[in-house]
Amino acid sequence: MRYSRQIIYEKIGSERQKMIEKSKVAVVGAGALGSIACELLVRAGIGRLVIIDRDILEEHNLQRQALFTEEDIGKSKAAAAESHLKKINSKVKIETYITDLDHQNIDLLRADLVLDCTDNLFTRFLINEYCRSKKIPWVYTAVIGCSGMLMNIIPKRKYCFRCIFEEASGLDTCETAGILNTTPHALVAMQVTQVLKIITKQPSEKDLINLDLWNLKLSRVKVKHNPKCPVCQGKYEYLEGKSHGLVKLCGSGNFQFKGKLKYFSLKDSLSKIGKVTDLGYCFHFKELIVFKDRVLIKAKTESEAKSLYSKYIGN
């Protein structure tokens, strides 16, 4: 026991603990990754915590979103998270925003560090541009199935998220590919450790980390600056309002997203989790009608449409 306390003191210590207590961290997404990350940060004694999430909790989320209980079903994830977190550490100042993060409210990320716990590239590109422009460090984390990735994006380093990741669509999501409920815990343990290192001004990981939890394999990818990266050249298209290509179709109750899709692989992925009706030129899946160059989504609000798009298509 004495040895354990000594290790904690050597890595953090009383002075660095004060740095944690004075820090403000913004967490985008309160799902599988975000709910666990928020809990660890609160238990670590973070001073201020900002939670941003647009979704409500569904029963199937409980398989991997460990902070919540059955009593939270139907509630906002952000609000439910705040309720539980205050019972864990009442000294932490928590701000919650039940909203869709976009270029108009992006200043919600004004903090000492931003934690990416989202499930789509669109939001990550937006986070990247904002943090790059404001010189705010952020930690990228993604999880799917039994695998995950982690990368620190630090202002003083030459590369950014866009240097490594190109725009894409039709990627697997937790809904289409599933997720082992131990995977988020493993990734978040590494993620929050990196947060504590950055906040306490200690050396943090420079590589892109890949974790294969099922086979217990950890690998590193050296990250390099891309001279053609638009963000590093000062072009902030997402901050300037670039969107999914969302259009509200008048009188139909449908929202349309235009853009390139991996049509056939998306159809295969969705068919594994529900009924797909193939009409040849398009297919139906739940609230979605998917064409090769666009998606129609039946939804009451723009936020709901974005949520469904992210849930099933991944961007």
C-alpha atoms as a PDB file:
ATOM      1  CA  MET A   1       0.000   0.000   0.000  1.00  0.00           C
ATOM      2  CA  ARG A   2       2.819   2.367   0.861  1.00  0.00           C
ATOM      3  CA  TYR A   3       4.438   1.589  -2.511  1.00  0.00           C
ATOM      4  CA  SER A   4       1.231   2.481  -4.363  1.00  0.00           C
ATOM      5  CA  ARG A   5       1.002   5.849  -2.592  1.00  0.00           C
ATOM      6  CA  GLN A   6       4.648   6.552  -3.404  1.00  0.00           C
ATOM      7  CA  ILE A   7       4.116   5.868  -7.126  1.00  0.00           C
ATOM      8  CA  ILE A   8       1.119   8.217  -7.195  1.00  0.00           C
ATOM      9  CA  TYR A   9       3.107  10.914  -5.422  1.00  0.00           C
ATOM     10  CA  GLU A  10       6.056  10.619  -7.802  1.00  0.00           C
ATOM     11  CA  LYS A  11       3.868  10.869 -10.912  1.00  0.00           C
ATOM     12  CA  ILE A  12       1.496  13.584  -9.694  1.00  0.00           C
ATOM     13  CA  GLY A  13       2.442  14.965  -6.296  1.00  0.00           C
ATOM     14  CA  SER A  14       0.715  17.669  -4.274  1.00  0.00           C
ATOM     15  CA  GLU A  15       1.767  20.575  -6.516  1.00  0.00           C
ATOM     16  CA  ARG A  16       0.574  18.865  -9.679  1.00  0.00           C
ATOM     17  CA  GLN A  17      -2.661  17.899  -7.953  1.00  0.00           C
ATOM     18  CA  LYS A  18      -3.271  21.617  -7.444  1.00  0.00           C
ATOM     19  CA  MET A  19      -2.771  22.100 -11.189  1.00  0.00           C
ATOM     20  CA  ILE A  20      -5.487  19.503 -11.828  1.00  0.00           C
ATOM     21  CA  GLU A  21      -7.823  21.245  -9.381  1.00  0.00           C
ATOM     22  CA  LYS A  22      -7.349  24.572 -11.189  1.00  0.00           C
ATOM     23  CA  SER A  23      -7.898  23.132 -14.686  1.00  0.00           C
ATOM     24  CA  LYS A  24     -10.940  23.217 -16.933  1.00  0.00           C
ATOM     25  CA  VAL A  25     -11.613  20.354 -19.343  1.00  0.00           C
ATOM     26  CA  ALA A  26     -14.315  20.274 -22.024  1.00  0.00           C
ATOM     27  CA  VAL A  27     -15.661  16.832 -22.964  1.00  0.00           C
ATOM     28  CA  VAL A  28     -17.507  16.501 -26.263  1.00  0.00           C
ATOM     29  CA  GLY A  29     -19.822  13.506 -26.119  1.00  0.00           C
ATOM     30  CA  ALA A  30     -21.190  11.783 -23.020  1.00  0.00           C
ATOM     31  CA  GLY A  31     -21.604   8.293 -24.442  1.00  0.00           C
ATOM     32  CA  ALA A  32     -19.386   5.228 -24.103  1.00  0.00           C
ATOM     33  CA  LEU A  33     -16.139   7.202 -23.985  1.00  0.00           C
ATOM     34  CA  GLY A  34     -17.354  10.472 -22.515  1.00  0.00           C
ATOM     35  CA  SER A  35     -19.332   9.078 -19.594  1.00  0.00           C
ATOM     36  CA  ILE A  36     -16.331   7.064 -18.387  1.00  0.00           C
ATOM     37  CA  ALA A  37     -13.890   9.934 -19.008  1.00  0.00           C
ATOM     38  CA  CYS A  38     -16.039  12.385 -17.043  1.00  0.00           C
ATOM     39  CA  GLU A  39     -16.215  10.015 -14.101  1.00  0.00           C
ATOM     40  CA  LEU A  40     -12.435   9.503 -14.025  1.00  0.00           C
ATOM     41  CA  LEU A  41     -11.796  13.244 -14.299  1.00  0.00           C
ATOM     42  CA  VAL A  42     -14.201  14.019 -11.468  1.00  0.00           C
ATOM     43  CA  ARG A  43     -12.639  11.345  -9.280  1.00  0.00           C
ATOM     44  CA  ALA A  44      -9.190  12.755 -10.123  1.00  0.00           C
ATOM     45  CA  GLY A  45     -10.309  16.140  -8.763  1.00  0.00           C
ATOM     46  CA  ILE A  46     -10.535  18.215 -11.953  1.00  0.00           C
ATOM     47  CA  GLY A  47     -11.583  21.773 -11.128  1.00  0.00           C
ATOM     48  CA  ARG A  48     -14.128  22.485 -13.863  1.00  0.00           C
ATOM     49  CA  LEU A  49     -15.787  20.132 -16.309  1.00  0.00           C
ATOM     50  CA  VAL A  50     -17.807  21.065 -19.394  1.00  0.00           C
ATOM     51  CA  ILE A  51     -20.006  18.332 -20.890  1.00  0.00           C
ATOM     52  CA  ILE A  52     -21.515  18.738 -24.374  1.00  0.00           C
ATOM     53  CA  ASP A  53     -23.881  16.122 -25.785  1.00  0.00           C
ATOM     54  CA  ARG A  54     -26.972  16.245 -27.996  1.00  0.00           C
ATOM     55  CA  ASP A  55     -28.448  12.773 -27.368  1.00  0.00           C
ATOM     56  CA  ILE A  56     -30.799  11.067 -24.947  1.00  0.00           C
ATOM     57  CA  LEU A  57     -30.011   7.745 -23.293  1.00  0.00           C
ATOM     58  CA  GLU A  58     -31.469   4.591 -24.816  1.00  0.00           C
ATOM     59  CA  GLU A  59     -31.693   1.191 -23.163  1.00  0.00           C
ATOM     60  CA  HIS A  60     -29.081  -0.433 -25.393  1.00  0.00           C
ATOM     61  CA  ASN A  61     -26.558   2.279 -24.424  1.00  0.00           C
ATOM     62  CA  LEU A  62     -26.313   0.776 -20.924  1.00  0.00           C
ATOM     63  CA  GLN A  63     -24.221  -2.087 -22.287  1.00  0.00           C
ATOM     64  CA  ARG A  64     -21.202   0.207 -22.528  1.00  0.00           C
ATOM     65  CA  GLN A  65     -22.065   3.596 -20.953  1.00  0.00           C
ATOM     66  CA  ALA A  66     -21.164   2.702 -17.392  1.00  0.00           C
ATOM     67  CA  LEU A  67     -22.060   5.955 -15.634  1.00  0.00           C
ATOM     68  CA  PHE A  68     -25.784   5.534 -16.311  1.00  0.00           C
ATOM     69  CA  THR A  69     -28.575   3.323 -14.946  1.00  0.00           C
ATOM     70  CA  GLU A  70     -31.996   2.184 -16.156  1.00  0.00           C
ATOM     71  CA  GLU A  71     -33.523   5.178 -14.397  1.00  0.00           C
ATOM     72  CA  ASP A  72     -31.708   7.457 -16.859  1.00  0.00           C
ATOM     73  CA  ILE A  73     -33.352   5.998 -19.977  1.00  0.00           C
ATOM     74  CA  GLY A  74     -35.057   8.783 -21.914  1.00  0.00           C
ATOM     75  CA  LYS A  75     -33.052  11.513 -20.185  1.00  0.00           C
ATOM     76  CA  SER A  76     -30.407  13.740 -21.720  1.00  0.00           C
ATOM     77  CA  LYS A  77     -27.005  12.083 -21.402  1.00  0.00           C
ATOM     78  CA  ALA A  78     -25.398  15.372 -20.386  1.00  0.00           C
ATOM     79  CA  ALA A  79     -27.963  16.081 -17.663  1.00  0.00           C
ATOM     80  CA  ALA A  80     -27.923  12.506 -16.349  1.00  0.00           C
ATOM     81  CA  ALA A  81     -24.126  12.552 -16.284  1.00  0.00           C
ATOM     82  CA  GLU A  82     -24.082  15.772 -14.273  1.00  0.00           C
ATOM     83  CA  SER A  83     -26.492  14.304 -11.725  1.00  0.00           C
ATOM     84  CA  HIS A  84     -24.310  11.245 -11.137  1.00  0.00           C
ATOM     85  CA  LEU A  85     -21.021  13.140 -11.160  1.00  0.00           C
ATOM     86  CA  LYS A  86     -22.141  15.614  -8.486  1.00  0.00           C
ATOM     87  CA  LYS A  87     -22.755  12.669  -6.174  1.00  0.00           C
ATOM     88  CA  ILE A  88     -19.192  11.468  -6.775  1.00  0.00           C
ATOM     89  CA  ASN A  89     -17.414  14.799  -6.218  1.00  0.00           C
ATOM     90  CA  SER A  90     -19.533  17.792  -5.265  1.00  0.00           C
ATOM     91  CA  LYS A  91     -16.521  20.141  -5.365  1.00  0.00           C
ATOM     92  CA  VAL A  92     -16.185  19.951  -9.134  1.00  0.00           C
ATOM     93  CA  LYS A  93     -17.888  22.763 -11.052  1.00  0.00           C
ATOM     94  CA  ILE A  94     -19.840  21.142 -13.886  1.00  0.00           C
ATOM     95  CA  GLU A  95     -21.373  22.876 -16.902  1.00  0.00           C
ATOM     96  CA  THR A  96     -23.671  20.865 -19.179  1.00  0.00           C
ATOM     97  CA  TYR A  97     -24.899  21.776 -22.649  1.00  0.00           C
ATOM     98  CA  ILE A  98     -27.599  19.676 -24.271  1.00  0.00           C
ATOM     99  CA  THR A  99     -26.822  20.770 -27.783  1.00  0.00           C
ATOM    100  CA  ASP A 100     -25.258  19.869 -31.103  1.00  0.00           C
ATOM    101  CA  LEU A 101     -21.751  21.333 -31.286  1.00  0.00           C
ATOM    102  CA  ASP A 102     -21.303  23.466 -34.400  1.00  0.00           C
ATOM    103  CA  HIS A 103     -19.422  26.524 -35.657  1.00  0.00           C
ATOM    104  CA  GLN A 104     -21.908  28.876 -33.977  1.00  0.00           C
ATOM    105  CA  ASN A 105     -21.538  27.561 -30.427  1.00  0.00           C
ATOM    106  CA  ILE A 106     -17.966  26.297 -30.733  1.00  0.00           C
ATOM    107  CA  ASP A 107     -16.752  28.660 -27.994  1.00  0.00           C
ATOM    108  CA  LEU A 108     -18.223  26.168 -25.528  1.00  0.00           C
ATOM    109  CA  LEU A 109     -14.849  24.444 -25.989  1.00  0.00           C
ATOM    110  CA  ARG A 110     -12.937  27.337 -24.451  1.00  0.00           C
ATOM    111  CA  ALA A 111     -10.990  25.403 -21.825  1.00  0.00           C
ATOM    112  CA  ASP A 112      -7.489  24.299 -20.861  1.00  0.00           C
ATOM    113  CA  LEU A 113      -7.967  21.030 -22.743  1.00  0.00           C
ATOM    114  CA  VAL A 114     -10.608  19.403 -24.940  1.00  0.00           C
ATOM    115  CA  LEU A 115     -11.452  15.719 -24.811  1.00  0.00           C
ATOM    116  CA  ASP A 116     -12.877  14.158 -27.970  1.00  0.00           C
ATOM    117  CA  CYS A 117     -15.430  11.486 -27.029  1.00  0.00           C
ATOM    118  CA  THR A 118     -17.512  11.788 -30.175  1.00  0.00           C
ATOM    119  CA  ASP A 119     -18.432   9.217 -32.790  1.00  0.00           C
ATOM    120  CA  ASN A 120     -17.958  11.130 -36.032  1.00  0.00           C
ATOM    121  CA  LEU A 121     -15.256  12.791 -38.110  1.00  0.00           C
ATOM    122  CA  PHE A 122     -17.276  15.927 -38.808  1.00  0.00           C
ATOM    123  CA  THR A 123     -17.206  17.019 -35.164  1.00  0.00           C
ATOM    124  CA  ARG A 124     -13.549  16.034 -34.852  1.00  0.00           C
ATOM    125  CA  PHE A 125     -12.607  18.249 -37.796  1.00  0.00           C
ATOM    126  CA  LEU A 126     -14.487  21.087 -36.127  1.00  0.00           C
ATOM    127  CA  ILE A 127     -12.741  20.473 -32.789  1.00  0.00           C
ATOM    128  CA  ASN A 128      -9.391  20.300 -34.547  1.00  0.00           C
ATOM    129  CA  GLU A 129      -9.822  23.640 -36.279  1.00  0.00           C
ATOM    130  CA  TYR A 130     -11.034  25.409 -33.162  1.00  0.00           C
ATOM    131  CA  CYS A 131      -8.286  24.030 -30.945  1.00  0.00           C
ATOM    132  CA  ARG A 132      -5.673  24.779 -33.599  1.00  0.00           C
ATOM    133  CA  SER A 133      -6.860  28.372 -33.921  1.00  0.00           C
ATOM    134  CA  LYS A 134      -7.019  28.896 -30.127  1.00  0.00           C
ATOM    135  CA  LYS A 135      -3.869  26.876 -29.320  1.00  0.00           C
ATOM    136  CA  ILE A 136      -5.770  24.476 -27.066  1.00  0.00           C
ATOM    137  CA  PRO A 137      -4.507  20.889 -26.655  1.00  0.00           C
ATOM    138  CA  TRP A 138      -6.986  18.109 -27.300  1.00  0.00           C
ATOM    139  CA  VAL A 139      -7.018  14.329 -27.141  1.00  0.00           C
ATOM    140  CA  TYR A 140      -8.577  12.305 -29.964  1.00  0.00           C
ATOM    141  CA  THR A 141     -10.044   8.930 -29.035  1.00  0.00           C
ATOM    142  CA  ALA A 142     -12.084   6.529 -31.147  1.00  0.00           C
ATOM    143  CA  VAL A 143     -13.419   3.081 -30.383  1.00  0.00           C
ATOM    144  CA  ILE A 144     -15.175   0.393 -32.421  1.00  0.00           C
ATOM    145  CA  GLY A 145     -15.595  -3.302 -31.793  1.00  0.00           C
ATOM    146  CA  CYS A 146     -12.561  -4.469 -29.797  1.00  0.00           C
ATOM    147  CA  SER A 147     -10.247  -1.768 -31.161  1.00  0.00           C
ATOM    148  CA  GLY A 148      -9.502   1.866 -30.582  1.00  0.00           C
ATOM    149  CA  MET A 149      -7.189   4.760 -31.374  1.00  0.00           C
ATOM    150  CA  LEU A 150      -5.723   7.573 -29.323  1.00  0.00           C
ATOM    151  CA  MET A 151      -3.701  10.661 -30.249  1.00  0.00           C
ATOM    152  CA  ASN A 152      -2.712  13.881 -28.511  1.00  0.00           C
ATOM    153  CA  ILE A 153      -2.892  17.025 -30.649  1.00  0.00           C
ATOM    154  CA  ILE A 154      -0.720  19.635 -28.948  1.00  0.00           C
ATOM    155  CA  PRO A 155      -0.401  23.241 -30.256  1.00  0.00           C
ATOM    156  CA  LYS A 156       3.414  23.309 -30.130  1.00  0.00           C
ATOM    157  CA  ARG A 157       3.654  20.187 -32.299  1.00  0.00           C
ATOM    158  CA  LYS A 158       3.650  20.740 -36.043  1.00  0.00           C
ATOM    159  CA  TYR A 159       0.976  18.215 -36.988  1.00  0.00           C
ATOM    160  CA  CYS A 160      -2.777  18.347 -36.406  1.00  0.00           C
ATOM    161  CA  PHE A 161      -5.656  15.892 -36.749  1.00  0.00           C
ATOM    162  CA  ARG A 162      -6.284  16.826 -40.388  1.00  0.00           C
ATOM    163  CA  CYS A 163      -2.664  16.001 -41.233  1.00  0.00           C
ATOM    164  CA  ILE A 164      -3.462  12.348 -40.621  1.00  0.00           C
ATOM    165  CA  PHE A 165      -7.178  11.899 -41.242  1.00  0.00           C
ATOM    166  CA  GLU A 166      -8.876  12.751 -44.514  1.00  0.00           C
ATOM    167  CA  GLU A 167     -12.569  13.371 -44.921  1.00  0.00           C
ATOM    168  CA  ALA A 168     -14.480  10.118 -45.210  1.00  0.00           C
ATOM    169  CA  SER A 169     -17.982   8.741 -45.113  1.00  0.00           C
ATOM    170  CA  GLY A 170     -19.680   5.406 -44.622  1.00  0.00           C
ATOM    171  CA  LEU A 171     -17.417   4.353 -41.758  1.00  0.00           C
ATOM    172  CA  ASP A 172     -18.546   1.769 -39.245  1.00  0.00           C
ATOM    173  CA  THR A 173     -20.185   3.060 -36.075  1.00  0.00           C
ATOM    174  CA  CYS A 174     -20.996   1.496 -32.711  1.00  0.00           C
ATOM    175  CA  GLU A 175     -24.487   0.820 -34.071  1.00  0.00           C
ATOM    176  CA  THR A 176     -23.337  -0.950 -37.243  1.00  0.00           C
ATOM    177  CA  ALA A 177     -20.214  -2.764 -36.038  1.00  0.00           C
ATOM    178  CA  GLY A 178     -20.974  -3.199 -32.347  1.00  0.00           C
ATOM    179  CA  ILE A 179     -18.603  -2.643 -29.465  1.00  0.00           C
ATOM    180  CA  LEU A 180     -17.205  -4.834 -26.705  1.00  0.00           C
ATOM    181  CA  ASN A 181     -18.104  -3.060 -23.477  1.00  0.00           C
ATOM    182  CA  THR A 182     -14.596  -3.408 -22.059  1.00  0.00           C
ATOM    183  CA  THR A 183     -13.036  -1.513 -24.976  1.00  0.00           C
ATOM    184  CA  PRO A 184     -14.133   2.024 -23.981  1.00  0.00           C
ATOM    185  CA  HIS A 185     -12.783   1.495 -20.460  1.00  0.00           C
ATOM    186  CA  ALA A 186      -9.382   0.455 -21.787  1.00  0.00           C
ATOM    187  CA  LEU A 187      -9.151   3.417 -24.179  1.00  0.00           C
ATOM    188  CA  VAL A 188     -10.434   5.962 -21.676  1.00  0.00           C
ATOM    189  CA  ALA A 189      -7.908   4.801 -19.083  1.00  0.00           C
ATOM    190  CA  MET A 190      -5.170   5.775 -21.540  1.00  0.00           C
ATOM    191  CA  GLN A 191      -7.026   8.903 -22.655  1.00  0.00           C
ATOM    192  CA  VAL A 192      -7.488  10.382 -19.173  1.00  0.00           C
ATOM    193  CA  THR A 193      -3.912   9.473 -18.250  1.00  0.00           C
ATOM    194  CA  GLN A 194      -2.772  11.594 -21.190  1.00  0.00           C
ATOM    195  CA  VAL A 195      -5.055  14.404 -20.006  1.00  0.00           C
ATOM    196  CA  LEU A 196      -3.448  14.347 -16.558  1.00  0.00           C
ATOM    197  CA  LYS A 197       0.020  14.409 -18.122  1.00  0.00           C
ATOM    198  CA  ILE A 198      -0.810  17.391 -20.335  1.00  0.00           C
ATOM    199  CA  ILE A 199      -2.522  19.343 -17.554  1.00  0.00           C
ATOM    200  CA  THR A 200       0.400  18.800 -15.177  1.00  0.00           C
ATOM    201  CA  LYS A 201       2.946  19.835 -17.845  1.00  0.00           C
ATOM    202  CA  GLN A 202       4.529  16.426 -18.189  1.00  0.00           C
ATOM    203  CA  PRO A 203       5.689  14.743 -21.447  1.00  0.00           C
ATOM    204  CA  SER A 204       2.761  13.135 -23.273  1.00  0.00           C
ATOM    205  CA  GLU A 205       2.486  10.582 -26.055  1.00  0.00           C
ATOM    206  CA  LYS A 206       3.534  11.828 -29.506  1.00  0.00           C
ATOM    207  CA  ASP A 207       2.434   8.833 -31.591  1.00  0.00           C
ATOM    208  CA  LEU A 208      -0.942   7.637 -32.788  1.00  0.00           C
ATOM    209  CA  ILE A 209      -1.777   4.675 -30.547  1.00  0.00           C
ATOM    210  CA  ASN A 210      -3.713   1.662 -31.852  1.00  0.00           C
ATOM    211  CA  LEU A 211      -5.163  -0.822 -29.377  1.00  0.00           C
ATOM    212  CA  ASP A 212      -6.447  -4.294 -30.259  1.00  0.00           C
ATOM    213  CA  LEU A 213      -7.925  -5.255 -26.917  1.00  0.00           C
ATOM    214  CA  TRP A 214      -9.118  -8.706 -27.923  1.00  0.00           C
ATOM    215  CA  ASN A 215      -5.625  -9.813 -28.913  1.00  0.00           C
ATOM    216  CA  LEU A 216      -3.876  -7.572 -26.365  1.00  0.00           C
ATOM    217  CA  LYS A 217      -1.843  -5.772 -29.024  1.00  0.00           C
ATOM    218  CA  LEU A 218      -0.675  -2.191 -28.736  1.00  0.00           C
ATOM    219  CA  SER A 219       1.036  -0.466 -31.652  1.00  0.00           C
ATOM    220  CA  ARG A 220       2.329   3.014 -32.427  1.00  0.00           C
ATOM    221  CA  VAL A 221       2.263   4.992 -35.643  1.00  0.00           C
ATOM    222  CA  LYS A 222       4.686   7.882 -36.064  1.00  0.00           C
ATOM    223  CA  VAL A 223       2.782  11.039 -36.900  1.00  0.00           C
ATOM    224  CA  LYS A 224       4.159  13.570 -39.365  1.00  0.00           C
ATOM    225  CA  HIS A 225       3.075  16.990 -40.508  1.00  0.00           C
ATOM    226  CA  ASN A 226       1.325  17.032 -43.877  1.00  0.00           C
ATOM    227  CA  PRO A 227       2.510  20.107 -45.839  1.00  0.00           C
ATOM    228  CA  LYS A 228      -0.760  20.020 -47.802  1.00  0.00           C
ATOM    229  CA  CYS A 229      -2.936  20.083 -44.674  1.00  0.00           C
ATOM    230  CA  PRO A 230      -5.458  22.947 -45.109  1.00  0.00           C
ATOM    231  CA  VAL A 231      -5.775  23.524 -41.350  1.00  0.00           C
ATOM    232  CA  CYS A 232      -2.029  23.953 -40.878  1.00  0.00           C
ATOM    233  CA  GLN A 233      -2.205  26.488 -43.707  1.00  0.00           C
ATOM    234  CA  GLY A 234      -4.791  28.460 -41.768  1.00  0.00           C
ATOM    235  CA  LYS A 235      -7.898  27.340 -43.693  1.00  0.00           C
ATOM    236  CA  TYR A 236     -10.700  26.703 -41.221  1.00  0.00           C
ATOM    237  CA  GLU A 237     -13.612  25.590 -43.418  1.00  0.00           C
ATOM    238  CA  TYR A 238     -15.552  23.877 -40.622  1.00  0.00           C
ATOM    239  CA  LEU A 239     -15.263  26.902 -38.346  1.00  0.00           C
ATOM    240  CA  GLU A 240     -16.560  28.978 -41.234  1.00  0.00           C
ATOM    241  CA  GLY A 241     -19.708  26.884 -41.440  1.00  0.00           C
ATOM    242  CA  LYS A 242     -19.010  23.834 -43.576  1.00  0.00           C
ATOM    243  CA  SER A 243     -21.693  21.267 -42.777  1.00  0.00           C
ATOM    244  CA  HIS A 244     -22.766  17.751 -43.595  1.00  0.00           C
ATOM    245  CA  GLY A 245     -24.633  19.194 -46.568  1.00  0.00           C
ATOM    246  CA  LEU A 246     -27.857  19.152 -44.563  1.00  0.00           C
ATOM    247  CA  VAL A 247     -31.010  20.524 -46.208  1.00  0.00           C
ATOM    248  CA  LYS A 248     -34.556  20.529 -44.802  1.00  0.00           C
ATOM    249  CA  LEU A 249     -36.921  19.387 -47.540  1.00  0.00           C
ATOM    250  CA  CYS A 250     -39.959  21.609 -47.524  1.00  0.00           C
ATOM    251  CA  GLY A 251     -43.221  20.002 -46.463  1.00  0.00           C
ATOM    252  CA  SER A 252     -41.907  16.426 -46.269  1.00  0.00           C
ATOM    253  CA  GLY A 253     -40.541  16.086 -42.742  1.00  0.00           C
ATOM    254  CA  ASN A 254     -37.313  14.850 -44.283  1.00  0.00           C
ATOM    255  CA  PHE A 255     -33.759  16.114 -43.996  1.00  0.00           C
ATOM    256  CA  GLN A 256     -31.290  15.480 -46.793  1.00  0.00           C
ATOM    257  CA  PHE A 257     -27.553  14.930 -46.404  1.00  0.00           C
ATOM    258  CA  LYS A 258     -25.556  15.143 -49.626  1.00  0.00           C
ATOM    259  CA  GLY A 259     -22.101  13.663 -50.013  1.00  0.00           C
ATOM    260  CA  LYS A 260     -20.120  10.618 -51.055  1.00  0.00           C
ATOM    261  CA  LEU A 261     -21.198   7.342 -49.476  1.00  0.00           C
ATOM    262  CA  LYS A 262     -19.776   3.825 -49.452  1.00  0.00           C
ATOM    263  CA  TYR A 263     -23.178   2.683 -50.599  1.00  0.00           C
ATOM    264  CA  PHE A 264     -22.781  -1.099 -50.786  1.00  0.00           C
ATOM    265  CA  SER A 265     -20.650  -1.539 -47.661  1.00  0.00           C
ATOM    266  CA  LEU A 266     -23.079   0.711 -45.754  1.00  0.00           C
ATOM    267  CA  LYS A 267     -26.008  -1.418 -46.915  1.00  0.00           C
ATOM    268  CA  ASP A 268     -24.233  -4.575 -45.743  1.00  0.00           C
ATOM    269  CA  SER A 269     -23.401  -3.059 -42.351  1.00  0.00           C
ATOM    270  CA  LEU A 270     -26.945  -1.855 -41.710  1.00  0.00           C
ATOM    271  CA  SER A 271     -28.462  -5.172 -42.807  1.00  0.00           C
ATOM    272  CA  LYS A 272     -26.660  -6.816 -39.876  1.00  0.00           C
ATOM    273  CA  ILE A 273     -28.597  -4.776 -37.331  1.00  0.00           C
ATOM    274  CA  GLY A 274     -32.009  -4.342 -38.961  1.00  0.00           C
ATOM    275  CA  LYS A 275     -34.220  -4.779 -41.997  1.00  0.00           C
ATOM    276  CA  VAL A 276     -32.949  -3.258 -45.241  1.00  0.00           C
ATOM    277  CA  THR A 277     -35.343  -2.923 -48.173  1.00  0.00           C
ATOM    278  CA  ASP A 278     -33.417  -2.707 -51.443  1.00  0.00           C
ATOM    279  CA  LEU A 279     -35.165  -0.830 -54.268  1.00  0.00           C
ATOM    280  CA  GLY A 280     -32.191  -1.033 -56.639  1.00  0.00           C
ATOM    281  CA  TYR A 281     -31.488   2.659 -56.909  1.00  0.00           C
ATOM    282  CA  CYS A 282     -31.738   3.164 -53.125  1.00  0.00           C
ATOM    283  CA  PHE A 283     -32.523   1.272 -49.945  1.00  0.00           C
ATOM    284  CA  HIS A 284     -34.683   1.851 -46.868  1.00  0.00           C
ATOM    285  CA  PHE A 285     -33.449   1.340 -43.311  1.00  0.00           C
ATOM    286  CA  LYS A 286     -35.515   2.519 -40.346  1.00  0.00           C
ATOM    287  CA  GLU A 287     -35.787   6.345 -40.723  1.00  0.00           C
ATOM    288  CA  LEU A 288     -33.258   6.409 -43.576  1.00  0.00           C
ATOM    289  CA  ILE A 289     -33.583   6.292 -47.354  1.00  0.00           C
ATOM    290  CA  VAL A 290     -30.068   5.905 -48.731  1.00  0.00           C
ATOM    291  CA  PHE A 291     -29.022   6.802 -52.278  1.00  0.00           C
ATOM    292  CA  LYS A 292     -25.490   6.579 -53.662  1.00  0.00           C
ATOM    293  CA  ASP A 293     -24.943  10.318 -53.284  1.00  0.00           C
ATOM    294  CA  ARG A 294     -27.343  11.351 -50.523  1.00  0.00           C
ATOM    295  CA  VAL A 295     -29.430  10.250 -47.542  1.00  0.00           C
ATOM    296  CA  LEU A 296     -32.989  11.223 -46.620  1.00  0.00           C
ATOM    297  CA  ILE A 297     -33.802  11.060 -42.912  1.00  0.00           C
ATOM    298  CA  LYS A 298     -37.248  11.282 -41.376  1.00  0.00           C
ATOM    299  CA  ALA A 299     -36.860  13.451 -38.275  1.00  0.00           C
ATOM    300  CA  LYS A 300     -38.678  16.163 -36.345  1.00  0.00           C
ATOM    301  CA  THR A 301     -35.665  18.437 -35.881  1.00  0.00           C
ATOM    302  CA  GLU A 302     -32.285  19.139 -37.429  1.00  0.00           C
ATOM    303  CA  SER A 303     -30.572  17.922 -34.272  1.00  0.00           C
ATOM    304  CA  GLU A 304     -32.448  14.608 -34.402  1.00  0.00           C
ATOM    305  CA  ALA A 305     -31.526  14.182 -38.082  1.00  0.00           C
ATOM    306  CA  LYS A 306     -27.844  14.785 -37.338  1.00  0.00           C
ATOM    307  CA  SER A 307     -27.993  12.331 -34.469  1.00  0.00           C
ATOM    308  CA  LEU A 308     -29.497   9.587 -36.664  1.00  0.00           C
ATOM    309  CA  TYR A 309     -26.978  10.273 -39.408  1.00  0.00           C
ATOM    310  CA  SER A 310     -24.095   9.998 -36.960  1.00  0.00           C
ATOM    311  CA  LYS A 311     -25.602   6.910 -35.325  1.00  0.00           C
ATOM    312  CA  TYR A 312     -25.945   4.858 -38.494  1.00  0.00           C
ATOM    313  CA  ILE A 313     -23.524   6.381 -40.992  1.00  0.00           C
ATOM    314  CA  GLY A 314     -20.776   7.711 -38.769  1.00  0.00           C
ATOM    315  CA  ASN A 315     -19.998  11.250 -39.969  1.00  0.00           C
END
